[in-house]
């Protein structure tokens, strides 16, 4: 008879731990929203900030591979980054 009671107590403890962590997660998410609001108030583009954060989490080798694939796909679509970039302004020659 003690076995079902033990399983019940164990289940209850696990559920309570998950509930505590979910509450902490919600509090942290609120803190993150506040930081993004602060950044937006300072004129930063929060969409780009989020992208930068996601990118920083990817190992460099994988980022380089993704960039190469993106360049390949853009080239195949006729959307080369170099072709779309504005031409650099001509350099003025110093008077001699």
PDB file of N, CA and C in Angstrom:
ATOM      1  N   UNK A   1       0.799  -1.200   0.000  1.00  0.00           N
ATOM      2  CA  UNK A   1       0.000   0.000   0.000  1.00  0.00           C
ATOM      3  C   UNK A   1       0.848   1.273   0.000  1.00  0.00           C
ATOM      4  N   UNK A   2       2.053   1.194   0.476  1.00  0.00           N
ATOM      5  CA  UNK A   2       2.880   2.397   0.519  1.00  0.00           C
ATOM      6  C   UNK A   2       3.414   2.767  -0.862  1.00  0.00           C
ATOM      7  N   UNK A   3       3.477   1.841  -1.780  1.00  0.00           N
ATOM      8  CA  UNK A   3       4.020   2.120  -3.115  1.00  0.00           C
ATOM      9  C   UNK A   3       3.175   3.134  -3.880  1.00  0.00           C
ATOM     10  N   UNK A   4       1.869   3.011  -3.999  1.00  0.00           N
ATOM     11  CA  UNK A   4       1.073   4.017  -4.711  1.00  0.00           C
ATOM     12  C   UNK A   4       1.184   5.402  -4.070  1.00  0.00           C
ATOM     13  N   UNK A   5       1.259   5.451  -2.752  1.00  0.00           N
ATOM     14  CA  UNK A   5       1.399   6.730  -2.063  1.00  0.00           C
ATOM     15  C   UNK A   5       2.737   7.363  -2.405  1.00  0.00           C
ATOM     16  N   UNK A   6       3.799   6.554  -2.491  1.00  0.00           N
ATOM     17  CA  UNK A   6       5.118   7.062  -2.837  1.00  0.00           C
ATOM     18  C   UNK A   6       5.097   7.646  -4.245  1.00  0.00           C
ATOM     19  N   UNK A   7       4.504   6.946  -5.199  1.00  0.00           N
ATOM     20  CA  UNK A   7       4.429   7.425  -6.576  1.00  0.00           C
ATOM     21  C   UNK A   7       3.617   8.711  -6.644  1.00  0.00           C
ATOM     22  N   UNK A   8       2.567   8.793  -5.875  1.00  0.00           N
ATOM     23  CA  UNK A   8       1.735   9.987  -5.843  1.00  0.00           C
ATOM     24  C   UNK A   8       2.527  11.181  -5.315  1.00  0.00           C
ATOM     25  N   UNK A   9       3.264  10.978  -4.250  1.00  0.00           N
ATOM     26  CA  UNK A   9       4.089  12.048  -3.669  1.00  0.00           C
ATOM     27  C   UNK A   9       5.186  12.471  -4.637  1.00  0.00           C
ATOM     28  N   UNK A  10       5.806  11.486  -5.285  1.00  0.00           N
ATOM     29  CA  UNK A  10       6.867  11.785  -6.233  1.00  0.00           C
ATOM     30  C   UNK A  10       6.323  12.603  -7.401  1.00  0.00           C
ATOM     31  N   UNK A  11       5.169  12.215  -7.911  1.00  0.00           N
ATOM     32  CA  UNK A  11       4.540  12.949  -9.009  1.00  0.00           C
ATOM     33  C   UNK A  11       4.216  14.376  -8.577  1.00  0.00           C
ATOM     34  N   UNK A  12       3.683  14.532  -7.382  1.00  0.00           N
ATOM     35  CA  UNK A  12       3.339  15.854  -6.875  1.00  0.00           C
ATOM     36  C   UNK A  12       4.586  16.735  -6.773  1.00  0.00           C
ATOM     37  N   UNK A  13       5.688  16.192  -6.293  1.00  0.00           N
ATOM     38  CA  UNK A  13       6.933  16.953  -6.175  1.00  0.00           C
ATOM     39  C   UNK A  13       7.458  17.371  -7.548  1.00  0.00           C
ATOM     40  N   UNK A  14       7.386  16.474  -8.503  1.00  0.00           N
ATOM     41  CA  UNK A  14       7.850  16.796  -9.847  1.00  0.00           C
ATOM     42  C   UNK A  14       7.010  17.918 -10.462  1.00  0.00           C
ATOM     43  N   UNK A  15       5.699  17.819 -10.307  1.00  0.00           N
ATOM     44  CA  UNK A  15       4.792  18.842 -10.829  1.00  0.00           C
ATOM     45  C   UNK A  15       5.081  20.191 -10.176  1.00  0.00           C
ATOM     46  N   UNK A  16       5.276  20.211  -8.865  1.00  0.00           N
ATOM     47  CA  UNK A  16       5.552  21.460  -8.155  1.00  0.00           C
ATOM     48  C   UNK A  16       6.876  22.082  -8.610  1.00  0.00           C
ATOM     49  N   UNK A  17       7.895  21.238  -8.861  1.00  0.00           N
ATOM     50  CA  UNK A  17       9.171  21.756  -9.360  1.00  0.00           C
ATOM     51  C   UNK A  17       8.991  22.398 -10.731  1.00  0.00           C
ATOM     52  N   UNK A  18       8.235  21.732 -11.589  1.00  0.00           N
ATOM     53  CA  UNK A  18       7.988  22.281 -12.931  1.00  0.00           C
ATOM     54  C   UNK A  18       7.233  23.596 -12.828  1.00  0.00           C
ATOM     55  N   UNK A  19       6.243  23.657 -11.949  1.00  0.00           N
ATOM     56  CA  UNK A  19       5.473  24.894 -11.779  1.00  0.00           C
ATOM     57  C   UNK A  19       6.370  26.038 -11.308  1.00  0.00           C
ATOM     58  N   UNK A  20       7.289  25.769 -10.383  1.00  0.00           N
ATOM     59  CA  UNK A  20       8.218  26.806  -9.913  1.00  0.00           C
ATOM     60  C   UNK A  20       9.100  27.296 -11.053  1.00  0.00           C
ATOM     61  N   UNK A  21       9.610  26.369 -11.845  1.00  0.00           N
ATOM     62  CA  UNK A  21      10.467  26.743 -12.969  1.00  0.00           C
ATOM     63  C   UNK A  21       9.691  27.536 -14.025  1.00  0.00           C
ATOM     64  N   UNK A  22       8.448  27.170 -14.272  1.00  0.00           N
ATOM     65  CA  UNK A  22       7.614  27.915 -15.224  1.00  0.00           C
ATOM     66  C   UNK A  22       7.394  29.352 -14.737  1.00  0.00           C
ATOM     67  N   UNK A  23       7.223  29.524 -13.434  1.00  0.00           N
ATOM     68  CA  UNK A  23       7.047  30.862 -12.874  1.00  0.00           C
ATOM     69  C   UNK A  23       8.341  31.672 -13.037  1.00  0.00           C
ATOM     70  N   UNK A  24       9.488  31.037 -12.791  1.00  0.00           N
ATOM     71  CA  UNK A  24      10.775  31.713 -12.974  1.00  0.00           C
ATOM     72  C   UNK A  24      10.979  32.081 -14.436  1.00  0.00           C
ATOM     73  N   UNK A  25      10.598  31.173 -15.336  1.00  0.00           N
ATOM     74  CA  UNK A  25      10.744  31.423 -16.771  1.00  0.00           C
ATOM     75  C   UNK A  25       9.902  32.624 -17.182  1.00  0.00           C
ATOM     76  N   UNK A  26       8.696  32.726 -16.666  1.00  0.00           N
ATOM     77  CA  UNK A  26       7.828  33.870 -16.984  1.00  0.00           C
ATOM     78  C   UNK A  26       8.442  35.174 -16.472  1.00  0.00           C
ATOM     79  N   UNK A  27       9.030  35.135 -15.281  1.00  0.00           N
ATOM     80  CA  UNK A  27       9.666  36.333 -14.722  1.00  0.00           C
ATOM     81  C   UNK A  27      10.867  36.749 -15.576  1.00  0.00           C
ATOM     82  N   UNK A  28      11.652  35.785 -15.994  1.00  0.00           N
ATOM     83  CA  UNK A  28      12.818  36.088 -16.836  1.00  0.00           C
ATOM     84  C   UNK A  28      12.368  36.645 -18.180  1.00  0.00           C
ATOM     85  N   UNK A  29      11.326  36.066 -18.766  1.00  0.00           N
ATOM     86  CA  UNK A  29      10.805  36.573 -20.044  1.00  0.00           C
ATOM     87  C   UNK A  29      10.363  38.027 -19.891  1.00  0.00           C
ATOM     88  N   UNK A  30       9.761  38.353 -18.764  1.00  0.00           N
ATOM     89  CA  UNK A  30       9.377  39.739 -18.500  1.00  0.00           C
ATOM     90  C   UNK A  30      10.581  40.660 -18.415  1.00  0.00           C
ATOM     91  N   UNK A  31      11.637  40.185 -17.768  1.00  0.00           N
ATOM     92  CA  UNK A  31      12.868  40.976 -17.675  1.00  0.00           C
ATOM     93  C   UNK A  31      13.470  41.218 -19.061  1.00  0.00           C
ATOM     94  N   UNK A  32      13.447  40.192 -19.900  1.00  0.00           N
ATOM     95  CA  UNK A  32      13.988  40.324 -21.249  1.00  0.00           C
ATOM     96  C   UNK A  32      13.171  41.327 -22.056  1.00  0.00           C
ATOM     97  N   UNK A  33      11.843  41.277 -21.929  1.00  0.00           N
ATOM     98  CA  UNK A  33      10.987  42.252 -22.623  1.00  0.00           C
ATOM     99  C   UNK A  33      11.330  43.676 -22.189  1.00  0.00           C
ATOM    100  N   UNK A  34      11.590  43.875 -20.909  1.00  0.00           N
ATOM    101  CA  UNK A  34      11.950  45.200 -20.407  1.00  0.00           C
ATOM    102  C   UNK A  34      13.267  45.687 -21.016  1.00  0.00           C
ATOM    103  N   UNK A  35      14.218  44.784 -21.170  1.00  0.00           N
ATOM    104  CA  UNK A  35      15.508  45.164 -21.757  1.00  0.00           C
ATOM    105  C   UNK A  35      15.323  45.550 -23.219  1.00  0.00           C
ATOM    106  N   UNK A  36      14.508  44.784 -23.950  1.00  0.00           N
ATOM    107  CA  UNK A  36      14.241  45.145 -25.346  1.00  0.00           C
ATOM    108  C   UNK A  36      13.529  46.494 -25.434  1.00  0.00           C
ATOM    109  N   UNK A  37      12.614  46.759 -24.525  1.00  0.00           N
ATOM    110  CA  UNK A  37      11.928  48.059 -24.515  1.00  0.00           C
ATOM    111  C   UNK A  37      12.921  49.183 -24.241  1.00  0.00           C
ATOM    112  N   UNK A  38      13.839  48.948 -23.335  1.00  0.00           N
ATOM    113  CA  UNK A  38      14.882  49.943 -23.039  1.00  0.00           C
ATOM    114  C   UNK A  38      15.752  50.182 -24.279  1.00  0.00           C
ATOM    115  N   UNK A  39      16.132  49.101 -24.942  1.00  0.00           N
ATOM    116  CA  UNK A  39      16.955  49.222 -26.148  1.00  0.00           C
ATOM    117  C   UNK A  39      16.216  50.002 -27.228  1.00  0.00           C
ATOM    118  N   UNK A  40      14.934  49.715 -27.382  1.00  0.00           N
ATOM    119  CA  UNK A  40      14.123  50.429 -28.376  1.00  0.00           C
ATOM    120  C   UNK A  40      14.053  51.908 -28.023  1.00  0.00           C
ATOM    121  N   UNK A  41      13.955  52.215 -26.746  1.00  0.00           N
ATOM    122  CA  UNK A  41      13.943  53.596 -26.290  1.00  0.00           C
ATOM    123  C   UNK A  41      15.232  54.335 -26.596  1.00  0.00           C
ATOM    124  N   UNK A  42      16.321  53.584 -26.700  1.00  0.00           N
ATOM    125  CA  UNK A  42      17.616  54.181 -27.037  1.00  0.00           C
ATOM    126  C   UNK A  42      17.841  54.219 -28.550  1.00  0.00           C
ATOM    127  N   UNK A  43      16.839  53.764 -29.312  1.00  0.00           N
ATOM    128  CA  UNK A  43      16.933  53.841 -30.761  1.00  0.00           C
ATOM    129  C   UNK A  43      17.473  52.601 -31.451  1.00  0.00           C
ATOM    130  N   UNK A  44      17.667  51.526 -30.725  1.00  0.00           N
ATOM    131  CA  UNK A  44      18.151  50.295 -31.341  1.00  0.00           C
ATOM    132  C   UNK A  44      17.003  49.549 -32.000  1.00  0.00           C
ATOM    133  N   UNK A  45      17.309  48.836 -33.080  1.00  0.00           N
ATOM    134  CA  UNK A  45      16.330  48.018 -33.786  1.00  0.00           C
ATOM    135  C   UNK A  45      16.284  46.660 -33.082  1.00  0.00           C
ATOM    136  N   UNK A  46      15.212  46.387 -32.356  1.00  0.00           N
ATOM    137  CA  UNK A  46      15.145  45.170 -31.550  1.00  0.00           C
ATOM    138  C   UNK A  46      15.031  43.911 -32.402  1.00  0.00           C
ATOM    139  N   UNK A  47      14.459  44.037 -33.586  1.00  0.00           N
ATOM    140  CA  UNK A  47      14.377  42.877 -34.483  1.00  0.00           C
ATOM    141  C   UNK A  47      15.784  42.436 -34.877  1.00  0.00           C
ATOM    142  N   UNK A  48      16.643  43.393 -35.175  1.00  0.00           N
ATOM    143  CA  UNK A  48      18.020  43.086 -35.547  1.00  0.00           C
ATOM    144  C   UNK A  48      18.790  42.590 -34.319  1.00  0.00           C
ATOM    145  N   UNK A  49      18.504  43.135 -33.153  1.00  0.00           N
ATOM    146  CA  UNK A  49      19.146  42.654 -31.930  1.00  0.00           C
ATOM    147  C   UNK A  49      18.833  41.176 -31.707  1.00  0.00           C
ATOM    148  N   UNK A  50      17.567  40.809 -31.898  1.00  0.00           N
ATOM    149  CA  UNK A  50      17.164  39.405 -31.723  1.00  0.00           C
ATOM    150  C   UNK A  50      17.908  38.519 -32.717  1.00  0.00           C
ATOM    151  N   UNK A  51      18.032  39.002 -33.954  1.00  0.00           N
ATOM    152  CA  UNK A  51      18.753  38.251 -34.977  1.00  0.00           C
ATOM    153  C   UNK A  51      20.222  38.098 -34.591  1.00  0.00           C
ATOM    154  N   UNK A  52      20.828  39.160 -34.063  1.00  0.00           N
ATOM    155  CA  UNK A  52      22.228  39.107 -33.634  1.00  0.00           C
ATOM    156  C   UNK A  52      22.407  38.091 -32.498  1.00  0.00           C
ATOM    157  N   UNK A  53      21.461  38.061 -31.582  1.00  0.00           N
ATOM    158  CA  UNK A  53      21.537  37.122 -30.458  1.00  0.00           C
ATOM    159  C   UNK A  53      21.439  35.686 -30.956  1.00  0.00           C
ATOM    160  N   UNK A  54      20.506  35.436 -31.893  1.00  0.00           N
ATOM    161  CA  UNK A  54      20.387  34.092 -32.470  1.00  0.00           C
ATOM    162  C   UNK A  54      21.669  33.713 -33.202  1.00  0.00           C
ATOM    163  N   UNK A  55      22.230  34.660 -33.937  1.00  0.00           N
ATOM    164  CA  UNK A  55      23.441  34.395 -34.713  1.00  0.00           C
ATOM    165  C   UNK A  55      24.624  34.105 -33.797  1.00  0.00           C
ATOM    166  N   UNK A  56      24.739  34.851 -32.708  1.00  0.00           N
ATOM    167  CA  UNK A  56      25.856  34.634 -31.779  1.00  0.00           C
ATOM    168  C   UNK A  56      25.813  33.247 -31.146  1.00  0.00           C
ATOM    169  N   UNK A  57      24.629  32.652 -31.063  1.00  0.00           N
ATOM    170  CA  UNK A  57      24.485  31.333 -30.449  1.00  0.00           C
ATOM    171  C   UNK A  57      24.942  30.210 -31.380  1.00  0.00           C
ATOM    172  N   UNK A  58      25.116  30.527 -32.667  1.00  0.00           N
ATOM    173  CA  UNK A  58      25.522  29.520 -33.645  1.00  0.00           C
ATOM    174  C   UNK A  58      27.052  29.491 -33.727  1.00  0.00           C
ATOM    175  N   UNK A  59      27.643  28.305 -33.688  1.00  0.00           N
ATOM    176  CA  UNK A  59      29.102  28.220 -33.807  1.00  0.00           C
ATOM    177  C   UNK A  59      29.586  28.839 -35.127  1.00  0.00           C
ATOM    178  N   UNK A  60      30.793  29.408 -35.112  1.00  0.00           N
ATOM    179  CA  UNK A  60      31.329  30.122 -36.271  1.00  0.00           C
ATOM    180  C   UNK A  60      31.347  29.259 -37.525  1.00  0.00           C
ATOM    181  N   UNK A  61      31.745  28.021 -37.405  1.00  0.00           N
ATOM    182  CA  UNK A  61      31.810  27.141 -38.576  1.00  0.00           C
ATOM    183  C   UNK A  61      30.418  27.012 -39.207  1.00  0.00           C
ATOM    184  N   UNK A  62      29.415  26.835 -38.375  1.00  0.00           N
ATOM    185  CA  UNK A  62      28.045  26.707 -38.885  1.00  0.00           C
ATOM    186  C   UNK A  62      27.561  28.035 -39.483  1.00  0.00           C
ATOM    187  N   UNK A  63      27.918  29.166 -38.848  1.00  0.00           N
ATOM    188  CA  UNK A  63      27.540  30.478 -39.397  1.00  0.00           C
ATOM    189  C   UNK A  63      28.157  30.683 -40.770  1.00  0.00           C
ATOM    190  N   UNK A  64      29.439  30.325 -40.904  1.00  0.00           N
ATOM    191  CA  UNK A  64      30.121  30.472 -42.190  1.00  0.00           C
ATOM    192  C   UNK A  64      29.466  29.597 -43.255  1.00  0.00           C
ATOM    193  N   UNK A  65      29.091  28.384 -42.873  1.00  0.00           N
ATOM    194  CA  UNK A  65      28.428  27.477 -43.809  1.00  0.00           C
ATOM    195  C   UNK A  65      27.081  28.055 -44.248  1.00  0.00           C
ATOM    196  N   UNK A  66      26.314  28.590 -43.302  1.00  0.00           N
ATOM    197  CA  UNK A  66      25.018  29.185 -43.633  1.00  0.00           C
ATOM    198  C   UNK A  66      25.195  30.400 -44.542  1.00  0.00           C
ATOM    199  N   UNK A  67      26.209  31.214 -44.274  1.00  0.00           N
ATOM    200  CA  UNK A  67      26.456  32.400 -45.101  1.00  0.00           C
ATOM    201  C   UNK A  67      26.828  31.988 -46.529  1.00  0.00           C
ATOM    202  N   UNK A  68      27.638  30.933 -46.648  1.00  0.00           N
ATOM    203  CA  UNK A  68      28.022  30.453 -47.975  1.00  0.00           C
ATOM    204  C   UNK A  68      26.812  29.930 -48.732  1.00  0.00           C
ATOM    205  N   UNK A  69      25.953  29.196 -48.045  1.00  0.00           N
ATOM    206  CA  UNK A  69      24.743  28.691 -48.690  1.00  0.00           C
ATOM    207  C   UNK A  69      23.808  29.829 -49.088  1.00  0.00           C
ATOM    208  N   UNK A  70      23.687  30.824 -48.231  1.00  0.00           N
ATOM    209  CA  UNK A  70      22.849  31.973 -48.557  1.00  0.00           C
ATOM    210  C   UNK A  70      23.390  32.684 -49.796  1.00  0.00           C
ATOM    211  N   UNK A  71      24.696  32.884 -49.855  1.00  0.00           N
ATOM    212  CA  UNK A  71      25.301  33.514 -51.032  1.00  0.00           C
ATOM    213  C   UNK A  71      25.026  32.685 -52.289  1.00  0.00           C
ATOM    214  N   UNK A  72      25.148  31.364 -52.172  1.00  0.00           N
ATOM    215  CA  UNK A  72      24.884  30.487 -53.305  1.00  0.00           C
ATOM    216  C   UNK A  72      23.437  30.618 -53.775  1.00  0.00           C
ATOM    217  N   UNK A  73      22.513  30.599 -52.832  1.00  0.00           N
ATOM    218  CA  UNK A  73      21.087  30.712 -53.174  1.00  0.00           C
ATOM    219  C   UNK A  73      20.786  32.072 -53.794  1.00  0.00           C
ATOM    220  N   UNK A  74      21.327  33.146 -53.200  1.00  0.00           N
ATOM    221  CA  UNK A  74      21.089  34.479 -53.745  1.00  0.00           C
ATOM    222  C   UNK A  74      21.662  34.605 -55.153  1.00  0.00           C
ATOM    223  N   UNK A  75      22.825  34.015 -55.370  1.00  0.00           N
ATOM    224  CA  UNK A  75      23.423  34.041 -56.712  1.00  0.00           C
ATOM    225  C   UNK A  75      22.520  33.307 -57.702  1.00  0.00           C
ATOM    226  N   UNK A  76      22.005  32.152 -57.295  1.00  0.00           N
ATOM    227  CA  UNK A  76      21.124  31.378 -58.164  1.00  0.00           C
ATOM    228  C   UNK A  76      19.854  32.155 -58.493  1.00  0.00           C
ATOM    229  N   UNK A  77      19.428  33.012 -57.599  1.00  0.00           N
ATOM    230  CA  UNK A  77      18.224  33.825 -57.808  1.00  0.00           C
ATOM    231  C   UNK A  77      18.535  35.167 -58.470  1.00  0.00           C
ATOM    232  N   UNK A  78      19.803  35.396 -58.797  1.00  0.00           N
ATOM    233  CA  UNK A  78      20.190  36.664 -59.403  1.00  0.00           C
ATOM    234  C   UNK A  78      20.184  37.811 -58.425  1.00  0.00           C
ATOM    235  N   UNK A  79      20.391  37.495 -57.165  1.00  0.00           N
ATOM    236  CA  UNK A  79      20.342  38.507 -56.108  1.00  0.00           C
ATOM    237  C   UNK A  79      21.676  38.586 -55.376  1.00  0.00           C
ATOM    238  N   UNK A  80      22.779  38.551 -56.121  1.00  0.00           N
ATOM    239  CA  UNK A  80      24.099  38.601 -55.494  1.00  0.00           C
ATOM    240  C   UNK A  80      24.203  39.824 -54.596  1.00  0.00           C
ATOM    241  N   UNK A  81      24.796  39.639 -53.459  1.00  0.00           N
ATOM    242  CA  UNK A  81      24.974  40.762 -52.533  1.00  0.00           C
ATOM    243  C   UNK A  81      25.870  41.827 -53.156  1.00  0.00           C
ATOM    244  N   UNK A  82      26.913  41.401 -53.854  1.00  0.00           N
ATOM    245  CA  UNK A  82      27.832  42.354 -54.469  1.00  0.00           C
ATOM    246  C   UNK A  82      27.124  43.157 -55.551  1.00  0.00           C
ATOM    247  N   UNK A  83      26.251  42.498 -56.318  1.00  0.00           N
ATOM    248  CA  UNK A  83      25.560  43.183 -57.410  1.00  0.00           C
ATOM    249  C   UNK A  83      24.565  44.204 -56.876  1.00  0.00           C
ATOM    250  N   UNK A  84      24.009  43.946 -55.698  1.00  0.00           N
ATOM    251  CA  UNK A  84      23.020  44.852 -55.127  1.00  0.00           C
ATOM    252  C   UNK A  84      23.658  45.979 -54.325  1.00  0.00           C
ATOM    253  N   UNK A  85      24.903  45.805 -53.935  1.00  0.00           N
ATOM    254  CA  UNK A  85      25.567  46.828 -53.123  1.00  0.00           C
ATOM    255  C   UNK A  85      25.852  48.045 -53.986  1.00  0.00           C
ATOM    256  N   UNK A  86      25.670  49.235 -53.431  1.00  0.00           N
ATOM    257  CA  UNK A  86      25.974  50.430 -54.217  1.00  0.00           C
ATOM    258  C   UNK A  86      27.463  50.503 -54.522  1.00  0.00           C
ATOM    259  N   UNK A  87      27.771  51.016 -55.697  1.00  0.00           N
ATOM    260  CA  UNK A  87      29.172  51.149 -56.094  1.00  0.00           C
ATOM    261  C   UNK A  87      29.847  52.153 -55.174  1.00  0.00           C
ATOM    262  N   UNK A  88      31.098  51.889 -54.803  1.00  0.00           N
ATOM    263  CA  UNK A  88      31.788  52.843 -53.934  1.00  0.00           C
ATOM    264  C   UNK A  88      32.014  54.158 -54.675  1.00  0.00           C
ATOM    265  N   UNK A  89      31.991  55.217 -53.916  1.00  0.00           N
ATOM    266  CA  UNK A  89      32.220  56.541 -54.505  1.00  0.00           C
ATOM    267  C   UNK A  89      33.640  56.604 -55.034  1.00  0.00           C
ATOM    268  N   UNK A  90      33.836  57.245 -56.197  1.00  0.00           N
ATOM    269  CA  UNK A  90      35.200  57.332 -56.733  1.00  0.00           C
ATOM    270  C   UNK A  90      36.080  58.148 -55.805  1.00  0.00           C
ATOM    271  N   UNK A  91      37.314  57.735 -55.724  1.00  0.00           N
ATOM    272  CA  UNK A  91      38.268  58.421 -54.847  1.00  0.00           C
ATOM    273  C   UNK A  91      38.799  59.650 -55.582  1.00  0.00           C
ATOM    274  N   UNK A  92      38.881  60.729 -54.895  1.00  0.00           N
ATOM    275  CA  UNK A  92      39.409  61.946 -55.475  1.00  0.00           C
ATOM    276  C   UNK A  92      40.924  61.925 -55.397  1.00  0.00           C
ATOM    277  N   UNK A  93      41.556  62.304 -56.476  1.00  0.00           N
ATOM    278  CA  UNK A  93      43.011  62.340 -56.491  1.00  0.00           C
ATOM    279  C   UNK A  93      43.474  63.661 -55.849  1.00  0.00           C
ATOM    280  N   UNK A  94      44.447  63.556 -55.025  1.00  0.00           N
ATOM    281  CA  UNK A  94      44.999  64.762 -54.383  1.00  0.00           C
ATOM    282  C   UNK A  94      45.727  65.575 -55.440  1.00  0.00           C
ATOM    283  N   UNK A  95      45.534  66.864 -55.396  1.00  0.00           N
ATOM    284  CA  UNK A  95      46.231  67.747 -56.348  1.00  0.00           C
ATOM    285  C   UNK A  95      47.714  67.733 -56.063  1.00  0.00           C
ATOM    286  N   UNK A  96      48.502  67.580 -57.134  1.00  0.00           N
ATOM    287  CA  UNK A  96      49.952  67.511 -56.933  1.00  0.00           C
ATOM    288  C   UNK A  96      50.604  68.836 -57.125  1.00  0.00           C
TER     289      UNK A  96
END
